[in-house]
């Protein structure tokens, strides 16, 4: 595969900013970005942010309609390094866990799993019920990665954007993508775990 490609999915969970941040961090990289958003994501975008749809779409190389089950990303023969869903709602999680592929977001995720590519789900819900936990277990057993966007305070974030950037950057790490200037443990003042004990 000469062109590296990644799929970014945005579902309707709270945290539309995570998906946008993934697109922003990927923009300067040498990777083709395919974007698919659920209808719920469109609602969340309007409720939680000032982003316009065209502004978000401009951050991706290819935009796919949620209803287009014939899109390139719905086929295993279309090579990608995997898919990040940021954020991932419990509805989307459950659909993927049970191979319910009635829209392009869940179909693309299902294809990524069957092709043994990397699937990372930034799940957004709290508290969790047993069904949520079981669905996460199913995804994990199928080779997917559950990655809740949990803040890392060792970097001493000063803004909300610092928190979002760090979470999304760490998720992109899982695709072996290097996000420049991403704060990492020990970088600030060479703090080690031994120093804290």
N, C-alpha and C. Protein backbone atom coordinates (compact mmCIF):
# COMPACT_ATOMS: atom_id res chain seq x y z
N UNK A 1 0.86 -1.18 0.00
CA UNK A 1 0.00 0.00 0.00
C UNK A 1 0.90 1.24 0.00
N UNK A 2 0.86 2.01 -1.08
CA UNK A 2 1.70 3.19 -1.16
C UNK A 2 1.09 4.37 -0.40
N UNK A 3 -0.23 4.48 -0.43
CA UNK A 3 -0.91 5.55 0.29
C UNK A 3 -1.40 5.04 1.63
N UNK A 4 -0.94 5.64 2.72
CA UNK A 4 -1.45 5.27 4.03
C UNK A 4 -2.78 5.97 4.25
N UNK A 5 -3.77 5.22 4.72
CA UNK A 5 -5.10 5.76 4.93
C UNK A 5 -5.59 5.41 6.33
N UNK A 6 -6.37 6.31 6.92
CA UNK A 6 -7.02 6.05 8.19
C UNK A 6 -8.46 6.52 8.09
N UNK A 7 -9.34 5.82 8.78
CA UNK A 7 -10.75 6.20 8.84
C UNK A 7 -11.01 6.85 10.19
N UNK A 8 -11.63 8.02 10.15
CA UNK A 8 -12.07 8.69 11.38
C UNK A 8 -13.60 8.66 11.40
N UNK A 9 -14.14 8.07 12.44
CA UNK A 9 -15.58 8.05 12.64
C UNK A 9 -15.94 8.96 13.81
N UNK A 10 -17.03 9.67 13.66
CA UNK A 10 -17.53 10.50 14.77
C UNK A 10 -18.98 10.10 15.00
N UNK A 11 -19.27 9.64 16.21
CA UNK A 11 -20.65 9.24 16.54
C UNK A 11 -21.30 10.33 17.40
N UNK A 12 -22.49 10.06 17.87
CA UNK A 12 -23.28 11.08 18.55
C UNK A 12 -23.04 11.26 20.03
N UNK A 13 -22.03 10.63 20.58
CA UNK A 13 -21.73 10.82 22.01
C UNK A 13 -21.24 12.24 22.25
N UNK A 14 -21.36 12.68 23.48
CA UNK A 14 -20.80 13.97 23.84
C UNK A 14 -19.29 13.94 23.63
N UNK A 15 -18.75 15.03 23.06
CA UNK A 15 -17.32 15.07 22.82
C UNK A 15 -16.96 15.13 21.35
N UNK A 16 -17.78 15.82 20.57
CA UNK A 16 -17.50 16.00 19.14
C UNK A 16 -16.09 16.56 18.93
N UNK A 17 -15.62 17.31 19.91
CA UNK A 17 -14.29 17.94 19.83
C UNK A 17 -13.17 16.90 19.67
N UNK A 18 -13.37 15.69 20.18
CA UNK A 18 -12.34 14.65 20.04
C UNK A 18 -12.15 14.29 18.56
N UNK A 19 -13.24 14.16 17.85
CA UNK A 19 -13.15 13.85 16.43
C UNK A 19 -12.49 14.96 15.65
N UNK A 20 -12.87 16.19 15.95
CA UNK A 20 -12.27 17.34 15.27
C UNK A 20 -10.78 17.40 15.56
N UNK A 21 -10.40 17.18 16.81
CA UNK A 21 -8.98 17.22 17.16
C UNK A 21 -8.19 16.14 16.42
N UNK A 22 -8.79 14.95 16.25
CA UNK A 22 -8.12 13.90 15.48
C UNK A 22 -7.87 14.37 14.05
N UNK A 23 -8.86 14.99 13.46
CA UNK A 23 -8.71 15.51 12.09
C UNK A 23 -7.64 16.59 12.03
N UNK A 24 -7.62 17.46 13.02
CA UNK A 24 -6.62 18.54 13.04
C UNK A 24 -5.20 17.99 13.19
N UNK A 25 -5.02 17.00 14.05
CA UNK A 25 -3.70 16.42 14.27
C UNK A 25 -3.22 15.63 13.06
N UNK A 26 -4.16 15.04 12.33
CA UNK A 26 -3.80 14.24 11.16
C UNK A 26 -3.53 15.09 9.92
N UNK A 27 -4.08 16.29 9.89
CA UNK A 27 -4.01 17.13 8.69
C UNK A 27 -2.59 17.32 8.16
N UNK A 28 -1.60 17.64 8.99
CA UNK A 28 -0.24 17.85 8.45
C UNK A 28 0.53 16.55 8.17
N UNK A 29 -0.05 15.41 8.53
CA UNK A 29 0.65 14.14 8.35
C UNK A 29 0.47 13.62 6.93
N UNK A 30 1.38 12.77 6.54
CA UNK A 30 1.32 12.15 5.22
C UNK A 30 0.43 10.92 5.27
N UNK A 31 -0.87 11.18 5.44
CA UNK A 31 -1.84 10.09 5.55
C UNK A 31 -3.18 10.58 5.01
N UNK A 32 -3.85 9.72 4.25
CA UNK A 32 -5.15 10.07 3.66
C UNK A 32 -6.25 9.78 4.69
N UNK A 33 -7.03 10.82 4.99
CA UNK A 33 -8.04 10.71 6.05
C UNK A 33 -9.44 10.60 5.45
N UNK A 34 -10.14 9.53 5.84
CA UNK A 34 -11.51 9.29 5.42
C UNK A 34 -12.43 9.53 6.61
N UNK A 35 -13.43 10.35 6.43
CA UNK A 35 -14.32 10.75 7.53
C UNK A 35 -15.74 10.26 7.29
N UNK A 36 -16.33 9.69 8.35
CA UNK A 36 -17.76 9.34 8.33
C UNK A 36 -18.35 9.75 9.68
N UNK A 37 -19.48 10.47 9.63
CA UNK A 37 -20.14 10.95 10.84
C UNK A 37 -21.57 10.42 10.89
N UNK A 38 -22.00 10.05 12.08
CA UNK A 38 -23.38 9.60 12.26
C UNK A 38 -24.32 10.81 12.30
N UNK A 39 -25.60 10.54 12.19
CA UNK A 39 -26.59 11.62 12.31
C UNK A 39 -26.54 12.24 13.70
N UNK A 40 -26.31 11.40 14.69
CA UNK A 40 -26.19 11.90 16.06
C UNK A 40 -25.01 12.83 16.22
N UNK A 41 -23.93 12.57 15.49
CA UNK A 41 -22.75 13.44 15.54
C UNK A 41 -23.08 14.83 15.02
N UNK A 42 -23.90 14.89 14.00
CA UNK A 42 -24.32 16.18 13.45
C UNK A 42 -25.09 16.99 14.50
N UNK A 43 -25.93 16.30 15.25
CA UNK A 43 -26.70 16.96 16.31
C UNK A 43 -25.75 17.45 17.40
N UNK A 44 -24.82 16.59 17.81
CA UNK A 44 -23.88 16.97 18.87
C UNK A 44 -22.99 18.13 18.43
N UNK A 45 -22.57 18.11 17.17
CA UNK A 45 -21.76 19.22 16.64
C UNK A 45 -22.48 20.55 16.85
N UNK A 46 -23.76 20.59 16.51
CA UNK A 46 -24.53 21.83 16.62
C UNK A 46 -24.78 22.22 18.07
N UNK A 47 -24.95 21.24 18.94
CA UNK A 47 -25.26 21.51 20.35
C UNK A 47 -24.02 21.91 21.16
N UNK A 48 -22.89 21.27 20.88
CA UNK A 48 -21.72 21.41 21.75
C UNK A 48 -20.63 22.34 21.21
N UNK A 49 -20.67 22.63 19.91
CA UNK A 49 -19.57 23.39 19.33
C UNK A 49 -20.07 24.50 18.41
N UNK A 50 -19.14 25.32 17.98
CA UNK A 50 -19.43 26.35 16.98
C UNK A 50 -18.94 25.94 15.60
N UNK A 51 -18.46 24.71 15.47
CA UNK A 51 -17.97 24.23 14.18
C UNK A 51 -19.12 24.12 13.18
N UNK A 52 -18.87 24.56 11.96
CA UNK A 52 -19.80 24.35 10.86
C UNK A 52 -19.42 23.04 10.17
N UNK A 53 -20.41 22.40 9.59
CA UNK A 53 -20.16 21.10 8.95
C UNK A 53 -19.07 21.21 7.88
N UNK A 54 -19.12 22.26 7.06
CA UNK A 54 -18.14 22.42 5.99
C UNK A 54 -16.73 22.58 6.54
N UNK A 55 -16.63 23.23 7.69
CA UNK A 55 -15.34 23.44 8.35
C UNK A 55 -14.73 22.11 8.78
N UNK A 56 -15.57 21.23 9.30
CA UNK A 56 -15.10 19.91 9.74
C UNK A 56 -14.73 19.07 8.53
N UNK A 57 -15.59 19.07 7.52
CA UNK A 57 -15.34 18.28 6.31
C UNK A 57 -14.03 18.68 5.63
N UNK A 58 -13.68 19.95 5.71
CA UNK A 58 -12.47 20.45 5.06
C UNK A 58 -11.19 19.86 5.67
N UNK A 59 -11.30 19.31 6.86
CA UNK A 59 -10.13 18.73 7.53
C UNK A 59 -9.81 17.31 7.05
N UNK A 60 -10.75 16.70 6.32
CA UNK A 60 -10.56 15.33 5.83
C UNK A 60 -10.28 15.35 4.33
N UNK A 61 -9.67 14.26 3.85
CA UNK A 61 -9.42 14.13 2.42
C UNK A 61 -10.64 13.59 1.68
N UNK A 62 -11.37 12.67 2.32
CA UNK A 62 -12.56 12.08 1.72
C UNK A 62 -13.68 12.06 2.75
N UNK A 63 -14.86 12.45 2.32
CA UNK A 63 -16.05 12.46 3.19
C UNK A 63 -17.00 11.38 2.70
N UNK A 64 -17.52 10.58 3.61
CA UNK A 64 -18.45 9.51 3.25
C UNK A 64 -19.77 9.70 3.98
N UNK A 65 -20.86 9.55 3.26
CA UNK A 65 -22.19 9.64 3.85
C UNK A 65 -22.46 8.42 4.71
N UNK A 66 -23.08 8.63 5.85
CA UNK A 66 -23.41 7.55 6.78
C UNK A 66 -24.30 6.49 6.13
N UNK A 67 -25.04 6.86 5.10
CA UNK A 67 -25.98 5.93 4.45
C UNK A 67 -25.36 5.19 3.27
N UNK A 68 -24.14 5.54 2.88
CA UNK A 68 -23.53 4.95 1.68
C UNK A 68 -22.80 3.65 2.01
N UNK A 69 -23.54 2.57 2.04
CA UNK A 69 -22.94 1.28 2.37
C UNK A 69 -22.07 0.74 1.25
N UNK A 70 -22.06 1.40 0.11
CA UNK A 70 -21.20 1.00 -0.99
C UNK A 70 -19.91 1.81 -1.06
N UNK A 71 -19.64 2.62 -0.05
CA UNK A 71 -18.43 3.45 -0.04
C UNK A 71 -17.18 2.58 0.02
N UNK A 72 -16.06 3.15 -0.39
CA UNK A 72 -14.80 2.40 -0.41
C UNK A 72 -14.46 1.81 0.96
N UNK A 73 -14.74 2.56 2.02
CA UNK A 73 -14.35 2.10 3.36
C UNK A 73 -15.22 0.96 3.88
N UNK A 74 -16.22 0.56 3.09
CA UNK A 74 -17.06 -0.57 3.49
C UNK A 74 -16.52 -1.89 2.96
N UNK A 75 -15.37 -1.84 2.27
CA UNK A 75 -14.81 -3.05 1.67
C UNK A 75 -13.45 -3.38 2.27
N UNK A 76 -13.24 -4.64 2.54
CA UNK A 76 -11.96 -5.10 3.05
C UNK A 76 -10.83 -4.98 2.05
N UNK A 77 -11.16 -4.87 0.78
CA UNK A 77 -10.11 -4.73 -0.24
C UNK A 77 -9.55 -3.31 -0.29
N UNK A 78 -10.22 -2.38 0.39
CA UNK A 78 -9.73 -0.99 0.47
C UNK A 78 -8.81 -0.91 1.68
N UNK A 79 -7.52 -0.74 1.43
CA UNK A 79 -6.54 -0.86 2.50
C UNK A 79 -6.44 0.41 3.34
N UNK A 80 -6.46 0.21 4.65
CA UNK A 80 -6.27 1.30 5.62
C UNK A 80 -5.39 0.78 6.75
N UNK A 81 -4.89 1.71 7.56
CA UNK A 81 -4.17 1.27 8.77
C UNK A 81 -5.14 1.05 9.91
N UNK A 82 -6.41 1.41 9.71
CA UNK A 82 -7.41 1.18 10.73
C UNK A 82 -8.39 2.32 10.87
N UNK A 83 -9.06 2.34 12.00
CA UNK A 83 -10.15 3.29 12.23
C UNK A 83 -10.18 3.75 13.68
N UNK A 84 -10.36 5.05 13.85
CA UNK A 84 -10.56 5.66 15.16
C UNK A 84 -11.96 6.24 15.20
N UNK A 85 -12.75 5.87 16.20
CA UNK A 85 -14.06 6.48 16.39
C UNK A 85 -13.98 7.36 17.63
N UNK A 86 -14.11 8.67 17.40
CA UNK A 86 -13.90 9.66 18.46
C UNK A 86 -14.93 10.77 18.35
N UNK A 87 -15.87 10.83 19.27
CA UNK A 87 -16.12 9.88 20.35
C UNK A 87 -16.94 8.70 19.84
N UNK A 88 -17.04 7.67 20.67
CA UNK A 88 -17.84 6.49 20.34
C UNK A 88 -18.98 6.37 21.34
N UNK A 89 -20.20 6.44 20.84
CA UNK A 89 -21.37 6.32 21.71
C UNK A 89 -21.59 4.86 22.11
N UNK A 90 -22.40 4.65 23.12
CA UNK A 90 -22.73 3.30 23.54
C UNK A 90 -23.55 2.58 22.47
N UNK A 91 -24.35 3.33 21.72
CA UNK A 91 -25.12 2.73 20.62
C UNK A 91 -24.18 2.20 19.55
N UNK A 92 -23.18 3.00 19.18
CA UNK A 92 -22.21 2.57 18.18
C UNK A 92 -21.38 1.41 18.70
N UNK A 93 -20.95 1.50 19.95
CA UNK A 93 -20.20 0.40 20.57
C UNK A 93 -20.99 -0.90 20.49
N UNK A 94 -22.26 -0.86 20.90
CA UNK A 94 -23.10 -2.06 20.90
C UNK A 94 -23.30 -2.63 19.51
N UNK A 95 -23.48 -1.73 18.54
CA UNK A 95 -23.67 -2.19 17.16
C UNK A 95 -22.43 -2.89 16.63
N UNK A 96 -21.26 -2.32 16.92
CA UNK A 96 -20.02 -2.94 16.46
C UNK A 96 -19.78 -4.26 17.18
N UNK A 97 -20.05 -4.29 18.47
CA UNK A 97 -19.83 -5.51 19.25
C UNK A 97 -20.66 -6.67 18.73
N UNK A 98 -21.83 -6.36 18.14
CA UNK A 98 -22.73 -7.42 17.68
C UNK A 98 -22.88 -7.45 16.17
N UNK A 99 -21.91 -6.82 15.47
CA UNK A 99 -21.85 -6.84 14.00
C UNK A 99 -23.14 -6.37 13.35
N UNK A 100 -23.73 -5.31 13.92
CA UNK A 100 -24.92 -4.70 13.33
C UNK A 100 -24.45 -3.57 12.42
N UNK A 101 -24.44 -3.84 11.13
CA UNK A 101 -23.78 -2.93 10.18
C UNK A 101 -24.81 -2.26 9.27
N UNK A 102 -25.75 -1.56 9.87
CA UNK A 102 -26.81 -0.94 9.07
C UNK A 102 -26.48 0.50 8.67
N UNK A 103 -25.28 0.98 9.00
CA UNK A 103 -24.83 2.28 8.49
C UNK A 103 -23.33 2.19 8.22
N UNK A 104 -22.79 3.19 7.54
CA UNK A 104 -21.39 3.10 7.11
C UNK A 104 -20.41 3.16 8.28
N UNK A 105 -20.77 3.85 9.34
CA UNK A 105 -19.87 3.94 10.50
C UNK A 105 -19.62 2.56 11.09
N UNK A 106 -20.70 1.83 11.36
CA UNK A 106 -20.54 0.50 11.97
C UNK A 106 -20.05 -0.53 10.96
N UNK A 107 -20.41 -0.36 9.68
CA UNK A 107 -19.91 -1.28 8.65
C UNK A 107 -18.39 -1.14 8.49
N UNK A 108 -17.91 0.09 8.45
CA UNK A 108 -16.47 0.31 8.31
C UNK A 108 -15.71 -0.28 9.50
N UNK A 109 -16.26 -0.10 10.69
CA UNK A 109 -15.62 -0.66 11.89
C UNK A 109 -15.61 -2.18 11.83
N UNK A 110 -16.70 -2.77 11.37
CA UNK A 110 -16.78 -4.22 11.24
C UNK A 110 -15.74 -4.74 10.25
N UNK A 111 -15.56 -4.02 9.14
CA UNK A 111 -14.56 -4.39 8.14
C UNK A 111 -13.15 -4.31 8.72
N UNK A 112 -12.88 -3.25 9.48
CA UNK A 112 -11.56 -3.10 10.10
C UNK A 112 -11.28 -4.29 11.01
N UNK A 113 -12.27 -4.71 11.78
CA UNK A 113 -12.08 -5.86 12.67
C UNK A 113 -11.86 -7.15 11.88
N UNK A 114 -12.66 -7.37 10.85
CA UNK A 114 -12.54 -8.63 10.11
C UNK A 114 -11.22 -8.70 9.35
N UNK A 115 -10.68 -7.55 8.96
CA UNK A 115 -9.41 -7.51 8.26
C UNK A 115 -8.22 -7.48 9.22
N UNK A 116 -8.52 -7.55 10.52
CA UNK A 116 -7.49 -7.55 11.57
C UNK A 116 -6.64 -6.29 11.56
N UNK A 117 -7.30 -5.16 11.27
CA UNK A 117 -6.65 -3.86 11.36
C UNK A 117 -6.95 -3.25 12.73
N UNK A 118 -6.35 -2.12 13.04
CA UNK A 118 -6.50 -1.49 14.34
C UNK A 118 -7.82 -0.71 14.42
N UNK A 119 -8.64 -1.02 15.41
CA UNK A 119 -9.87 -0.28 15.69
C UNK A 119 -9.75 0.28 17.10
N UNK A 120 -9.85 1.61 17.23
CA UNK A 120 -9.74 2.28 18.52
C UNK A 120 -11.04 3.05 18.76
N UNK A 121 -11.68 2.77 19.87
CA UNK A 121 -12.96 3.41 20.21
C UNK A 121 -12.81 4.29 21.44
N UNK A 122 -12.96 5.60 21.25
CA UNK A 122 -12.92 6.53 22.38
C UNK A 122 -14.33 6.61 22.96
N UNK A 123 -14.66 5.61 23.78
CA UNK A 123 -16.02 5.48 24.31
C UNK A 123 -16.31 6.56 25.35
N UNK A 124 -17.52 7.10 25.28
CA UNK A 124 -17.92 8.20 26.14
C UNK A 124 -19.23 7.86 26.85
N UNK A 125 -19.12 7.45 28.09
CA UNK A 125 -20.31 7.22 28.92
C UNK A 125 -19.85 7.00 30.35
N UNK A 126 -20.67 7.42 31.29
CA UNK A 126 -20.39 7.13 32.69
C UNK A 126 -21.65 7.41 33.51
N UNK A 127 -21.95 6.59 34.50
CA UNK A 127 -21.31 5.32 34.80
C UNK A 127 -21.68 4.25 33.77
N UNK A 128 -21.00 3.13 33.82
CA UNK A 128 -21.23 2.05 32.87
C UNK A 128 -22.15 1.00 33.47
N UNK A 129 -23.07 0.49 32.64
CA UNK A 129 -23.86 -0.65 33.10
C UNK A 129 -23.23 -1.94 32.56
N UNK A 130 -23.77 -3.08 32.94
CA UNK A 130 -23.16 -4.36 32.58
C UNK A 130 -23.16 -4.58 31.07
N UNK A 131 -24.18 -4.11 30.39
CA UNK A 131 -24.23 -4.25 28.94
C UNK A 131 -23.09 -3.49 28.28
N UNK A 132 -22.81 -2.27 28.75
CA UNK A 132 -21.69 -1.49 28.21
C UNK A 132 -20.38 -2.26 28.39
N UNK A 133 -20.19 -2.79 29.60
CA UNK A 133 -18.95 -3.49 29.92
C UNK A 133 -18.81 -4.76 29.07
N UNK A 134 -19.92 -5.48 28.90
CA UNK A 134 -19.88 -6.69 28.08
C UNK A 134 -19.57 -6.36 26.62
N UNK A 135 -20.13 -5.26 26.13
CA UNK A 135 -19.84 -4.86 24.75
C UNK A 135 -18.37 -4.49 24.59
N UNK A 136 -17.81 -3.83 25.60
CA UNK A 136 -16.38 -3.50 25.57
C UNK A 136 -15.53 -4.77 25.58
N UNK A 137 -15.97 -5.75 26.35
CA UNK A 137 -15.25 -7.03 26.39
C UNK A 137 -15.29 -7.70 25.01
N UNK A 138 -16.46 -7.68 24.37
CA UNK A 138 -16.58 -8.28 23.03
C UNK A 138 -15.63 -7.62 22.04
N UNK A 139 -15.61 -6.29 22.05
CA UNK A 139 -14.73 -5.56 21.13
C UNK A 139 -13.27 -5.94 21.40
N UNK A 140 -12.91 -5.98 22.67
CA UNK A 140 -11.53 -6.31 23.05
C UNK A 140 -11.17 -7.72 22.59
N UNK A 141 -12.08 -8.66 22.78
CA UNK A 141 -11.82 -10.04 22.36
C UNK A 141 -11.69 -10.16 20.85
N UNK A 142 -12.32 -9.25 20.11
CA UNK A 142 -12.21 -9.25 18.64
C UNK A 142 -10.97 -8.51 18.16
N UNK A 143 -10.21 -7.93 19.08
CA UNK A 143 -8.98 -7.26 18.70
C UNK A 143 -9.05 -5.74 18.70
N UNK A 144 -10.22 -5.18 19.00
CA UNK A 144 -10.35 -3.73 19.09
C UNK A 144 -9.79 -3.21 20.39
N UNK A 145 -9.62 -1.90 20.45
CA UNK A 145 -9.08 -1.26 21.65
C UNK A 145 -10.09 -0.25 22.18
N UNK A 146 -10.43 -0.39 23.44
CA UNK A 146 -11.32 0.55 24.12
C UNK A 146 -10.45 1.63 24.75
N UNK A 147 -10.68 2.87 24.35
CA UNK A 147 -9.81 3.96 24.78
C UNK A 147 -10.65 5.14 25.27
N UNK A 148 -11.15 5.07 26.50
CA UNK A 148 -11.89 6.22 27.03
C UNK A 148 -10.98 7.44 27.11
N UNK A 149 -11.46 8.62 26.75
CA UNK A 149 -10.63 9.83 26.81
C UNK A 149 -10.48 10.33 28.24
N UNK A 150 -9.59 9.69 28.98
CA UNK A 150 -9.35 10.02 30.38
C UNK A 150 -8.22 11.04 30.47
N UNK A 151 -8.43 12.17 31.13
CA UNK A 151 -7.38 13.19 31.22
C UNK A 151 -6.13 12.67 31.91
N UNK A 152 -4.97 13.12 31.44
CA UNK A 152 -3.68 12.79 32.06
C UNK A 152 -3.17 14.07 32.72
N UNK A 153 -3.24 14.13 34.03
CA UNK A 153 -2.89 15.37 34.72
C UNK A 153 -1.40 15.53 34.97
N UNK A 154 -0.60 14.47 34.71
CA UNK A 154 0.84 14.61 34.88
C UNK A 154 1.41 15.66 33.93
N UNK A 155 0.70 15.94 32.83
CA UNK A 155 1.19 16.96 31.89
C UNK A 155 0.82 18.38 32.33
N UNK A 156 0.08 18.48 33.44
CA UNK A 156 -0.37 19.78 33.96
C UNK A 156 -1.06 20.62 32.88
N UNK A 157 -2.17 20.11 32.36
CA UNK A 157 -2.87 20.83 31.30
C UNK A 157 -3.36 22.19 31.79
N UNK A 158 -3.26 23.17 30.92
CA UNK A 158 -3.70 24.53 31.26
C UNK A 158 -5.03 24.89 30.60
N UNK A 159 -5.40 24.16 29.57
CA UNK A 159 -6.64 24.46 28.86
C UNK A 159 -7.38 23.17 28.56
N UNK A 160 -8.64 23.30 28.20
CA UNK A 160 -9.43 22.15 27.77
C UNK A 160 -8.82 21.55 26.51
N UNK A 161 -8.30 22.40 25.63
CA UNK A 161 -7.67 21.90 24.41
C UNK A 161 -6.45 21.04 24.72
N UNK A 162 -5.70 21.38 25.77
CA UNK A 162 -4.56 20.56 26.18
C UNK A 162 -5.02 19.14 26.52
N UNK A 163 -6.14 19.05 27.23
CA UNK A 163 -6.67 17.75 27.66
C UNK A 163 -7.14 16.94 26.45
N UNK A 164 -7.90 17.59 25.57
CA UNK A 164 -8.41 16.91 24.37
C UNK A 164 -7.26 16.47 23.47
N UNK A 165 -6.29 17.35 23.27
CA UNK A 165 -5.15 17.04 22.41
C UNK A 165 -4.37 15.84 22.94
N UNK A 166 -4.15 15.80 24.24
CA UNK A 166 -3.38 14.68 24.80
C UNK A 166 -4.13 13.37 24.64
N UNK A 167 -5.42 13.35 24.92
CA UNK A 167 -6.19 12.11 24.78
C UNK A 167 -6.18 11.61 23.34
N UNK A 168 -6.44 12.50 22.40
CA UNK A 168 -6.49 12.11 20.99
C UNK A 168 -5.10 11.73 20.48
N UNK A 169 -4.09 12.46 20.91
CA UNK A 169 -2.73 12.12 20.52
C UNK A 169 -2.33 10.74 20.98
N UNK A 170 -2.71 10.39 22.20
CA UNK A 170 -2.41 9.05 22.72
C UNK A 170 -3.17 7.97 21.94
N UNK A 171 -4.41 8.28 21.53
CA UNK A 171 -5.17 7.33 20.71
C UNK A 171 -4.47 7.13 19.36
N UNK A 172 -3.97 8.21 18.77
CA UNK A 172 -3.28 8.10 17.48
C UNK A 172 -1.94 7.36 17.62
N UNK A 173 -1.35 7.40 18.81
CA UNK A 173 -0.14 6.61 19.08
C UNK A 173 -0.37 5.14 18.74
N UNK A 174 -1.59 4.68 18.98
CA UNK A 174 -1.91 3.26 18.79
C UNK A 174 -1.87 2.84 17.32
N UNK A 175 -1.82 3.83 16.42
CA UNK A 175 -1.67 3.56 14.99
C UNK A 175 -0.23 3.80 14.53
N UNK A 176 0.67 3.95 15.49
CA UNK A 176 2.08 4.27 15.20
C UNK A 176 2.20 5.58 14.44
N UNK A 177 1.34 6.53 14.77
CA UNK A 177 1.41 7.87 14.19
C UNK A 177 2.02 8.80 15.23
N UNK A 178 3.03 9.53 14.84
CA UNK A 178 3.75 10.38 15.77
C UNK A 178 3.18 11.79 15.77
N UNK A 179 2.56 12.17 16.87
CA UNK A 179 2.02 13.52 17.02
C UNK A 179 3.12 14.40 17.62
N UNK A 180 3.59 15.40 16.87
CA UNK A 180 4.68 16.25 17.38
C UNK A 180 4.30 16.99 18.66
N UNK A 181 5.24 17.12 19.55
CA UNK A 181 5.10 17.91 20.78
C UNK A 181 4.02 17.39 21.73
N UNK A 182 3.68 16.12 21.63
CA UNK A 182 2.70 15.54 22.55
C UNK A 182 3.38 15.31 23.89
N UNK A 183 2.89 15.93 24.98
CA UNK A 183 3.54 15.74 26.29
C UNK A 183 3.48 14.27 26.72
N UNK A 184 4.59 13.78 27.23
CA UNK A 184 4.66 12.39 27.67
C UNK A 184 5.23 12.33 29.08
N UNK A 185 4.96 11.24 29.74
CA UNK A 185 5.40 11.06 31.12
C UNK A 185 6.90 11.26 31.23
N UNK A 186 7.30 12.14 32.13
CA UNK A 186 8.70 12.38 32.38
C UNK A 186 9.31 13.49 31.54
N UNK A 187 8.59 13.97 30.51
CA UNK A 187 9.17 14.98 29.63
C UNK A 187 9.28 16.35 30.30
N UNK A 188 8.34 16.68 31.18
CA UNK A 188 8.30 18.03 31.74
C UNK A 188 9.49 18.33 32.64
N UNK A 189 9.73 17.45 33.61
CA UNK A 189 10.84 17.72 34.54
C UNK A 189 11.57 16.43 34.93
N UNK A 190 11.52 15.46 33.98
CA UNK A 190 12.18 14.18 34.20
C UNK A 190 11.71 13.49 35.47
N UNK A 191 10.43 13.71 35.80
CA UNK A 191 9.84 13.03 36.95
C UNK A 191 9.76 11.54 36.66
N UNK A 192 10.13 10.74 37.62
CA UNK A 192 10.00 9.30 37.48
C UNK A 192 9.13 8.79 38.61
N UNK A 193 8.63 7.59 38.41
CA UNK A 193 7.79 6.99 39.45
C UNK A 193 8.56 6.86 40.75
N UNK A 194 9.87 6.57 40.63
CA UNK A 194 10.69 6.41 41.85
C UNK A 194 10.73 7.70 42.66
N UNK A 195 10.74 8.85 41.97
CA UNK A 195 10.78 10.11 42.68
C UNK A 195 9.52 10.35 43.52
N UNK A 196 8.42 9.70 43.11
CA UNK A 196 7.15 9.94 43.79
C UNK A 196 6.96 9.04 44.99
N UNK A 197 7.71 7.97 45.08
CA UNK A 197 7.52 7.02 46.20
C UNK A 197 8.23 7.47 47.46
